[in-house]
Amino acid sequence: MIRHSQDGDHWTVTVDRPDKAGALTREMLIELSDIAEAAHAAKLFVLTGTGSVFSAGADLDAARAGLATDPVWERLSGAIAAQSGLSIAALNGTVAGGAFGMVLACDLRIAVPSANFFYPVMKRGFLPQPSDPARLARLIGPGRAKAILMAGQKISAETALQWGLIDQIAKKDDLQAGVATLAQDALSADISHISAIKRMIG
């Protein structure tokens, strides 16, 4: 359900559970975290999925059993945020719930036109993962972050682009070409140069 490939300094990790809308189990999250930690010195780390949904967040049965508040979510987003190189989320579809964390932790985000974004923690009675609200507010501002987290607002890819939640919209067949364009300079640079610029941005 989690696939990854490595081509030199380019790592790609794929959430491959289209029959369950990319819903994540604890085992999947641990595997994602292990891969992200192993790839910490890669020049390029790409996160993507299969089917029409990137991830619906926690698998519902697992969420009811405690996954919704498991620290493994924070481990995963922390491992992605700690990448020395450039990290890109190439979103093949909708992002919901806890799946937001890994997406927010990436440096850049590209999404297909049909993608929607929502994080229904208020309705479901859970708190968001600890790092997610601050990362979300840095991207789109506190008011819009509250609209998503507190008012349960679902936004389209077009609105996400206008708000700054994502950086580009691309047709599904063009996602990887978009990644290649964004990553071209980083892949030709030294990893120390990439990480130095990243630290300067904060």
C-alpha atoms as a PDB file:
ATOM      1  CA  MET A   1       0.000   0.000   0.000  1.00  0.00           C
ATOM      2  CA  ILE A   2       3.055   2.220   0.273  1.00  0.00           C
ATOM      3  CA  ARG A   3       5.442   2.138  -2.654  1.00  0.00           C
ATOM      4  CA  HIS A   4       8.715   3.964  -2.999  1.00  0.00           C
ATOM      5  CA  SER A   5      11.392   4.263  -5.634  1.00  0.00           C
ATOM      6  CA  GLN A   6      14.821   5.822  -5.625  1.00  0.00           C
ATOM      7  CA  ASP A   7      16.644   7.214  -8.640  1.00  0.00           C
ATOM      8  CA  GLY A   8      19.898   8.567  -7.269  1.00  0.00           C
ATOM      9  CA  ASP A   9      19.036  11.645  -5.231  1.00  0.00           C
ATOM     10  CA  HIS A  10      15.366  11.538  -6.258  1.00  0.00           C
ATOM     11  CA  TRP A  11      13.015   9.602  -3.962  1.00  0.00           C
ATOM     12  CA  THR A  12       9.319   9.099  -4.758  1.00  0.00           C
ATOM     13  CA  VAL A  13       6.844   7.739  -2.227  1.00  0.00           C
ATOM     14  CA  THR A  14       3.357   6.688  -3.325  1.00  0.00           C
ATOM     15  CA  VAL A  15       0.259   6.084  -1.221  1.00  0.00           C
ATOM     16  CA  ASP A  16      -1.242   3.217  -3.215  1.00  0.00           C
ATOM     17  CA  ARG A  17      -4.624   2.329  -1.768  1.00  0.00           C
ATOM     18  CA  PRO A  18      -7.121   3.652  -4.318  1.00  0.00           C
ATOM     19  CA  ASP A  19      -9.853   1.208  -3.299  1.00  0.00           C
ATOM     20  CA  LYS A  20      -9.926   2.861   0.147  1.00  0.00           C
ATOM     21  CA  ALA A  21      -9.413   6.473  -1.000  1.00  0.00           C
ATOM     22  CA  GLY A  22      -5.816   6.386   0.226  1.00  0.00           C
ATOM     23  CA  ALA A  23      -6.936   5.896   3.836  1.00  0.00           C
ATOM     24  CA  LEU A  24      -3.963   5.418   6.127  1.00  0.00           C
ATOM     25  CA  THR A  25      -3.384   2.724   8.721  1.00  0.00           C
ATOM     26  CA  ARG A  26      -0.808   2.926  11.489  1.00  0.00           C
ATOM     27  CA  GLU A  27       1.387   0.444   9.631  1.00  0.00           C
ATOM     28  CA  MET A  28       1.288   2.633   6.516  1.00  0.00           C
ATOM     29  CA  LEU A  29       2.187   5.719   8.551  1.00  0.00           C
ATOM     30  CA  ILE A  30       5.121   3.933  10.165  1.00  0.00           C
ATOM     31  CA  GLU A  31       6.352   2.829   6.746  1.00  0.00           C
ATOM     32  CA  LEU A  32       6.002   6.360   5.368  1.00  0.00           C
ATOM     33  CA  SER A  33       7.929   7.711   8.357  1.00  0.00           C
ATOM     34  CA  ASP A  34      10.702   5.136   7.957  1.00  0.00           C
ATOM     35  CA  ILE A  35      11.110   6.038   4.281  1.00  0.00           C
ATOM     36  CA  ALA A  36      11.056   9.786   4.919  1.00  0.00           C
ATOM     37  CA  GLU A  37      13.717   9.425   7.597  1.00  0.00           C
ATOM     38  CA  ALA A  38      15.881   7.277   5.323  1.00  0.00           C
ATOM     39  CA  ALA A  39      15.587   9.882   2.556  1.00  0.00           C
ATOM     40  CA  HIS A  40      16.544  12.856   4.734  1.00  0.00           C
ATOM     41  CA  ALA A  41      19.650  13.687   2.658  1.00  0.00           C
ATOM     42  CA  ALA A  42      18.054  13.248  -0.775  1.00  0.00           C
ATOM     43  CA  LYS A  43      17.978  16.247  -3.095  1.00  0.00           C
ATOM     44  CA  LEU A  44      14.334  15.578  -3.989  1.00  0.00           C
ATOM     45  CA  PHE A  45      11.577  13.864  -2.009  1.00  0.00           C
ATOM     46  CA  VAL A  46       8.231  13.494  -3.814  1.00  0.00           C
ATOM     47  CA  LEU A  47       4.998  12.400  -2.166  1.00  0.00           C
ATOM     48  CA  THR A  48       2.119  11.270  -4.384  1.00  0.00           C
ATOM     49  CA  GLY A  49      -0.774   8.807  -4.618  1.00  0.00           C
ATOM     50  CA  THR A  50      -2.915   6.719  -6.947  1.00  0.00           C
ATOM     51  CA  GLY A  51      -6.565   6.886  -7.959  1.00  0.00           C
ATOM     52  CA  SER A  52      -8.777   9.946  -7.664  1.00  0.00           C
ATOM     53  CA  VAL A  53      -8.030  10.716  -3.993  1.00  0.00           C
ATOM     54  CA  PHE A  54      -4.586  11.345  -2.519  1.00  0.00           C
ATOM     55  CA  SER A  55      -5.692  10.395   0.983  1.00  0.00           C
ATOM     56  CA  ALA A  56      -8.876  10.566   3.004  1.00  0.00           C
ATOM     57  CA  GLY A  57      -6.780  10.610   6.181  1.00  0.00           C
ATOM     58  CA  ALA A  58      -6.985   7.905   8.819  1.00  0.00           C
ATOM     59  CA  ASP A  59      -8.644   4.613   8.048  1.00  0.00           C
ATOM     60  CA  LEU A  60     -11.959   4.934   9.925  1.00  0.00           C
ATOM     61  CA  ASP A  61     -11.685   1.684  11.864  1.00  0.00           C
ATOM     62  CA  ALA A  62      -8.109   2.527  12.849  1.00  0.00           C
ATOM     63  CA  ALA A  63      -9.142   6.084  13.787  1.00  0.00           C
ATOM     64  CA  ARG A  64     -11.813   4.770  16.151  1.00  0.00           C
ATOM     65  CA  ALA A  65      -9.177   2.491  17.688  1.00  0.00           C
ATOM     66  CA  GLY A  66      -6.952   5.473  18.517  1.00  0.00           C
ATOM     67  CA  LEU A  67      -5.042   6.243  15.330  1.00  0.00           C
ATOM     68  CA  ALA A  68      -6.531   9.734  15.072  1.00  0.00           C
ATOM     69  CA  THR A  69      -4.419  10.879  18.030  1.00  0.00           C
ATOM     70  CA  ASP A  70      -1.399   8.636  17.520  1.00  0.00           C
ATOM     71  CA  PRO A  71       2.002  10.434  17.590  1.00  0.00           C
ATOM     72  CA  VAL A  72       3.014   8.625  14.401  1.00  0.00           C
ATOM     73  CA  TRP A  73       1.342  11.422  12.397  1.00  0.00           C
ATOM     74  CA  GLU A  74       3.665  13.963  13.967  1.00  0.00           C
ATOM     75  CA  ARG A  75       6.646  11.689  13.408  1.00  0.00           C
ATOM     76  CA  LEU A  76       5.807  11.561   9.699  1.00  0.00           C
ATOM     77  CA  SER A  77       5.270  15.284   9.188  1.00  0.00           C
ATOM     78  CA  GLY A  78       8.413  16.014  11.194  1.00  0.00           C
ATOM     79  CA  ALA A  79      10.480  13.656   9.036  1.00  0.00           C
ATOM     80  CA  ILE A  80       9.243  15.350   5.864  1.00  0.00           C
ATOM     81  CA  ALA A  81       9.802  18.848   7.249  1.00  0.00           C
ATOM     82  CA  ALA A  82      13.359  17.830   8.193  1.00  0.00           C
ATOM     83  CA  GLN A  83      14.321  16.865   4.634  1.00  0.00           C
ATOM     84  CA  SER A  84      17.594  18.516   3.630  1.00  0.00           C
ATOM     85  CA  GLY A  85      16.490  18.677   0.017  1.00  0.00           C
ATOM     86  CA  LEU A  86      13.373  19.877  -1.774  1.00  0.00           C
ATOM     87  CA  SER A  87      10.122  18.102  -0.909  1.00  0.00           C
ATOM     88  CA  ILE A  88       7.127  18.225  -3.237  1.00  0.00           C
ATOM     89  CA  ALA A  89       3.596  16.874  -2.783  1.00  0.00           C
ATOM     90  CA  ALA A  90       2.232  15.870  -6.200  1.00  0.00           C
ATOM     91  CA  LEU A  91      -1.430  15.508  -5.283  1.00  0.00           C
ATOM     92  CA  ASN A  92      -3.434  13.225  -7.555  1.00  0.00           C
ATOM     93  CA  GLY A  93      -6.670  14.121  -5.764  1.00  0.00           C
ATOM     94  CA  THR A  94      -8.374  15.203  -2.573  1.00  0.00           C
ATOM     95  CA  VAL A  95      -6.543  15.634   0.734  1.00  0.00           C
ATOM     96  CA  ALA A  96      -8.524  15.195   3.937  1.00  0.00           C
ATOM     97  CA  GLY A  97      -8.000  14.970   7.681  1.00  0.00           C
ATOM     98  CA  GLY A  98      -4.686  13.757   9.027  1.00  0.00           C
ATOM     99  CA  ALA A  99      -3.254  13.449   5.527  1.00  0.00           C
ATOM    100  CA  PHE A 100      -2.925  17.235   5.613  1.00  0.00           C
ATOM    101  CA  GLY A 101       0.097  16.920   7.897  1.00  0.00           C
ATOM    102  CA  MET A 102       2.456  15.289   5.423  1.00  0.00           C
ATOM    103  CA  VAL A 103       1.280  17.625   2.655  1.00  0.00           C
ATOM    104  CA  LEU A 104       1.752  20.764   4.759  1.00  0.00           C
ATOM    105  CA  ALA A 105       5.248  19.582   5.710  1.00  0.00           C
ATOM    106  CA  CYS A 106       6.372  19.559   2.066  1.00  0.00           C
ATOM    107  CA  ASP A 107       8.116  22.571   0.566  1.00  0.00           C
ATOM    108  CA  LEU A 108       5.851  22.758  -2.491  1.00  0.00           C
ATOM    109  CA  ARG A 109       2.470  21.365  -3.508  1.00  0.00           C
ATOM    110  CA  ILE A 110       0.966  20.627  -6.940  1.00  0.00           C
ATOM    111  CA  ALA A 111      -2.602  19.354  -7.260  1.00  0.00           C
ATOM    112  CA  VAL A 112      -4.971  18.180  -9.957  1.00  0.00           C
ATOM    113  CA  PRO A 113      -7.974  20.446 -10.734  1.00  0.00           C
ATOM    114  CA  SER A 114     -10.448  18.053  -9.096  1.00  0.00           C
ATOM    115  CA  ALA A 115      -8.695  18.015  -5.712  1.00  0.00           C
ATOM    116  CA  ASN A 116     -10.520  19.264  -2.635  1.00  0.00           C
ATOM    117  CA  PHE A 117      -9.024  20.081   0.748  1.00  0.00           C
ATOM    118  CA  PHE A 118     -10.740  19.667   4.123  1.00  0.00           C
ATOM    119  CA  TYR A 119      -9.768  18.812   7.689  1.00  0.00           C
ATOM    120  CA  PRO A 120     -12.955  17.972   9.662  1.00  0.00           C
ATOM    121  CA  VAL A 121     -11.501  17.810  13.163  1.00  0.00           C
ATOM    122  CA  MET A 122     -14.146  20.060  14.713  1.00  0.00           C
ATOM    123  CA  LYS A 123     -17.004  17.855  13.513  1.00  0.00           C
ATOM    124  CA  ARG A 124     -15.279  14.632  14.516  1.00  0.00           C
ATOM    125  CA  GLY A 125     -14.182  15.800  17.953  1.00  0.00           C
ATOM    126  CA  PHE A 126     -10.430  15.401  17.447  1.00  0.00           C
ATOM    127  CA  LEU A 127      -7.639  17.928  17.696  1.00  0.00           C
ATOM    128  CA  PRO A 128      -5.480  18.420  14.597  1.00  0.00           C
ATOM    129  CA  GLN A 129      -1.950  17.072  14.750  1.00  0.00           C
ATOM    130  CA  PRO A 130       0.212  19.474  16.814  1.00  0.00           C
ATOM    131  CA  SER A 131       2.266  20.988  13.978  1.00  0.00           C
ATOM    132  CA  ASP A 132      -0.533  21.245  11.425  1.00  0.00           C
ATOM    133  CA  PRO A 133      -2.351  24.436  12.519  1.00  0.00           C
ATOM    134  CA  ALA A 134       0.822  26.534  12.599  1.00  0.00           C
ATOM    135  CA  ARG A 135       2.022  25.206   9.227  1.00  0.00           C
ATOM    136  CA  LEU A 136      -1.412  25.824   7.751  1.00  0.00           C
ATOM    137  CA  ALA A 137      -1.595  29.363   9.162  1.00  0.00           C
ATOM    138  CA  ARG A 138       1.872  30.195   7.785  1.00  0.00           C
ATOM    139  CA  LEU A 139       0.684  29.253   4.307  1.00  0.00           C
ATOM    140  CA  ILE A 140      -2.792  30.768   4.203  1.00  0.00           C
ATOM    141  CA  GLY A 141      -3.098  33.028   7.255  1.00  0.00           C
ATOM    142  CA  PRO A 142      -4.858  32.448  10.590  1.00  0.00           C
ATOM    143  CA  GLY A 143      -8.361  33.365   9.429  1.00  0.00           C
ATOM    144  CA  ARG A 144      -8.374  30.920   6.560  1.00  0.00           C
ATOM    145  CA  ALA A 145      -6.751  28.255   8.746  1.00  0.00           C
ATOM    146  CA  LYS A 146      -9.648  28.704  11.178  1.00  0.00           C
ATOM    147  CA  ALA A 147     -12.124  28.438   8.302  1.00  0.00           C
ATOM    148  CA  ILE A 148     -10.728  25.006   7.474  1.00  0.00           C
ATOM    149  CA  LEU A 149     -10.075  23.689  10.985  1.00  0.00           C
ATOM    150  CA  MET A 150     -12.895  25.315  12.937  1.00  0.00           C
ATOM    151  CA  ALA A 151     -15.637  26.003  10.386  1.00  0.00           C
ATOM    152  CA  GLY A 152     -15.037  22.776   8.458  1.00  0.00           C
ATOM    153  CA  GLN A 153     -14.708  24.576   5.144  1.00  0.00           C
ATOM    154  CA  LYS A 154     -13.920  22.392   2.144  1.00  0.00           C
ATOM    155  CA  ILE A 155     -11.962  24.248  -0.525  1.00  0.00           C
ATOM    156  CA  SER A 156     -11.343  23.481  -4.177  1.00  0.00           C
ATOM    157  CA  ALA A 157      -7.976  23.330  -5.892  1.00  0.00           C
ATOM    158  CA  GLU A 158      -8.631  26.737  -7.435  1.00  0.00           C
ATOM    159  CA  THR A 159      -9.332  28.288  -4.039  1.00  0.00           C
ATOM    160  CA  ALA A 160      -6.344  26.455  -2.543  1.00  0.00           C
ATOM    161  CA  LEU A 161      -4.163  28.042  -5.226  1.00  0.00           C
ATOM    162  CA  GLN A 162      -5.590  31.502  -4.569  1.00  0.00           C
ATOM    163  CA  TRP A 163      -5.080  31.111  -0.829  1.00  0.00           C
ATOM    164  CA  GLY A 164      -1.518  29.794  -1.168  1.00  0.00           C
ATOM    165  CA  LEU A 165      -2.226  26.299   0.154  1.00  0.00           C
ATOM    166  CA  ILE A 166      -0.933  24.840  -3.117  1.00  0.00           C
ATOM    167  CA  ASP A 167       1.554  26.307  -5.578  1.00  0.00           C
ATOM    168  CA  GLN A 168       0.350  24.936  -8.903  1.00  0.00           C
ATOM    169  CA  ILE A 169      -2.582  23.147 -10.530  1.00  0.00           C
ATOM    170  CA  ALA A 170      -1.764  20.523 -13.152  1.00  0.00           C
ATOM    171  CA  LYS A 171      -3.730  17.884 -15.013  1.00  0.00           C
ATOM    172  CA  LYS A 172      -3.099  14.393 -13.685  1.00  0.00           C
ATOM    173  CA  ASP A 173      -0.981  13.436 -16.697  1.00  0.00           C
ATOM    174  CA  ASP A 174       1.140  16.558 -16.169  1.00  0.00           C
ATOM    175  CA  LEU A 175       1.849  16.128 -12.454  1.00  0.00           C
ATOM    176  CA  GLN A 176       5.224  14.457 -12.880  1.00  0.00           C
ATOM    177  CA  ALA A 177       6.259  16.946 -15.554  1.00  0.00           C
ATOM    178  CA  GLY A 178       5.403  19.704 -13.089  1.00  0.00           C
ATOM    179  CA  VAL A 179       7.542  18.045 -10.435  1.00  0.00           C
ATOM    180  CA  ALA A 180      10.435  17.732 -12.890  1.00  0.00           C
ATOM    181  CA  THR A 181      10.252  21.424 -13.741  1.00  0.00           C
ATOM    182  CA  LEU A 182      10.174  22.510 -10.108  1.00  0.00           C
ATOM    183  CA  ALA A 183      12.990  20.143  -9.144  1.00  0.00           C
ATOM    184  CA  GLN A 184      15.368  20.806 -12.026  1.00  0.00           C
ATOM    185  CA  ASP A 185      17.561  23.359 -10.254  1.00  0.00           C
ATOM    186  CA  ALA A 186      17.634  21.429  -6.983  1.00  0.00           C
ATOM    187  CA  LEU A 187      18.663  18.186  -8.664  1.00  0.00           C
ATOM    188  CA  SER A 188      21.581  19.955 -10.351  1.00  0.00           C
ATOM    189  CA  ALA A 189      22.749  21.591  -7.093  1.00  0.00           C
ATOM    190  CA  ASP A 190      24.773  20.296  -4.170  1.00  0.00           C
ATOM    191  CA  ILE A 191      22.681  19.125  -1.216  1.00  0.00           C
ATOM    192  CA  SER A 192      24.469  21.556   1.105  1.00  0.00           C
ATOM    193  CA  HIS A 193      23.396  24.443  -1.146  1.00  0.00           C
ATOM    194  CA  ILE A 194      19.793  23.261  -1.187  1.00  0.00           C
ATOM    195  CA  SER A 195      19.625  22.888   2.586  1.00  0.00           C
ATOM    196  CA  ALA A 196      21.333  26.259   3.161  1.00  0.00           C
ATOM    197  CA  ILE A 197      18.704  28.091   1.115  1.00  0.00           C
ATOM    198  CA  LYS A 198      15.963  26.121   2.823  1.00  0.00           C
ATOM    199  CA  ARG A 199      17.248  27.149   6.259  1.00  0.00           C
ATOM    200  CA  MET A 200      17.378  30.803   5.180  1.00  0.00           C
ATOM    201  CA  ILE A 201      13.711  30.692   4.214  1.00  0.00           C
ATOM    202  CA  GLY A 202      12.796  29.011   7.497  1.00  0.00           C
END
